[in-house]
């Protein structure tokens, strides 16, 4: 796991699971502004699960209505 420091934010792997496309885009933008560069965002649980298995994330943000 990557250490969460200002210098290492670009190395962090973040995964977003959110049905609403606008909300997903806003979350990606927030993480980008914070310095996170390796972000994968998905609108359904199947896609989210498949990427998490392939690339273990350091951060996962999931909406409560993702199916």
Protein backbone atom coordinates (compact mmCIF):
# COMPACT_ATOMS: atom_id res chain seq x y z
CA UNK A 1 0.00 0.00 0.00
CA UNK A 2 1.19 3.50 -0.83
CA UNK A 3 1.81 5.93 2.02
CA UNK A 4 -0.66 8.85 1.93
CA UNK A 5 1.58 11.90 1.76
CA UNK A 6 1.43 14.95 -0.50
CA UNK A 7 4.45 13.62 -2.41
CA UNK A 8 2.92 10.19 -3.02
CA UNK A 9 -0.64 11.10 -4.01
CA UNK A 10 0.11 10.58 -7.70
CA UNK A 11 1.01 6.93 -6.96
CA UNK A 12 -2.25 6.16 -5.16
CA UNK A 13 -4.77 3.97 -6.99
CA UNK A 14 -8.36 5.16 -6.47
CA UNK A 15 -11.53 3.41 -7.63
CA UNK A 16 -14.93 5.10 -7.76
CA UNK A 17 -18.23 3.24 -8.04
CA UNK A 18 -21.17 5.58 -8.58
CA UNK A 19 -24.27 5.22 -10.76
CA UNK A 20 -24.70 8.93 -11.47
CA UNK A 21 -22.33 10.03 -14.24
CA UNK A 22 -22.15 13.66 -13.07
CA UNK A 23 -21.31 12.64 -9.51
CA UNK A 24 -18.62 10.25 -10.80
CA UNK A 25 -17.06 13.03 -12.85
CA UNK A 26 -17.10 15.39 -9.87
CA UNK A 27 -15.42 12.81 -7.64
CA UNK A 28 -12.72 12.23 -10.27
CA UNK A 29 -12.18 15.98 -10.48
CA UNK A 30 -11.88 16.31 -6.70
CA UNK A 31 -9.30 13.52 -6.52
CA UNK A 32 -7.37 14.96 -9.48
CA UNK A 33 -7.20 18.37 -7.83
CA UNK A 34 -5.91 16.70 -4.66
CA UNK A 35 -3.09 15.15 -6.68
CA UNK A 36 -4.41 11.62 -7.27
CA UNK A 37 -3.70 10.63 -10.88
CA UNK A 38 -4.52 6.90 -11.04
CA UNK A 39 -8.32 6.91 -10.90
CA UNK A 40 -10.77 4.40 -12.32
CA UNK A 41 -14.48 5.23 -12.20
CA UNK A 42 -17.38 2.87 -12.92
CA UNK A 43 -21.16 3.08 -13.08
CA UNK A 44 -21.95 -0.52 -12.14
CA UNK A 45 -20.82 -3.11 -9.64
CA UNK A 46 -19.64 -5.67 -12.23
CA UNK A 47 -17.13 -3.24 -13.76
CA UNK A 48 -16.00 -2.04 -10.34
CA UNK A 49 -15.44 -5.59 -9.12
CA UNK A 50 -13.47 -6.60 -12.19
CA UNK A 51 -11.00 -3.72 -11.85
CA UNK A 52 -10.55 -4.21 -8.09
CA UNK A 53 -9.57 -7.84 -8.71
CA UNK A 54 -6.99 -6.80 -11.32
CA UNK A 55 -5.56 -3.72 -9.61
CA UNK A 56 -5.90 -3.55 -5.80
CA UNK A 57 -6.84 0.06 -4.96
CA UNK A 58 -5.60 2.19 -2.09
CA UNK A 59 -8.91 4.09 -1.97
CA UNK A 60 -12.41 2.90 -2.87
CA UNK A 61 -15.37 5.29 -3.02
CA UNK A 62 -18.70 3.52 -3.58
CA UNK A 63 -22.22 4.92 -3.76
CA UNK A 64 -24.77 3.17 -1.57
CA UNK A 65 -27.05 2.50 -4.55
CA UNK A 66 -24.50 0.81 -6.83
CA UNK A 67 -25.78 -2.47 -8.18
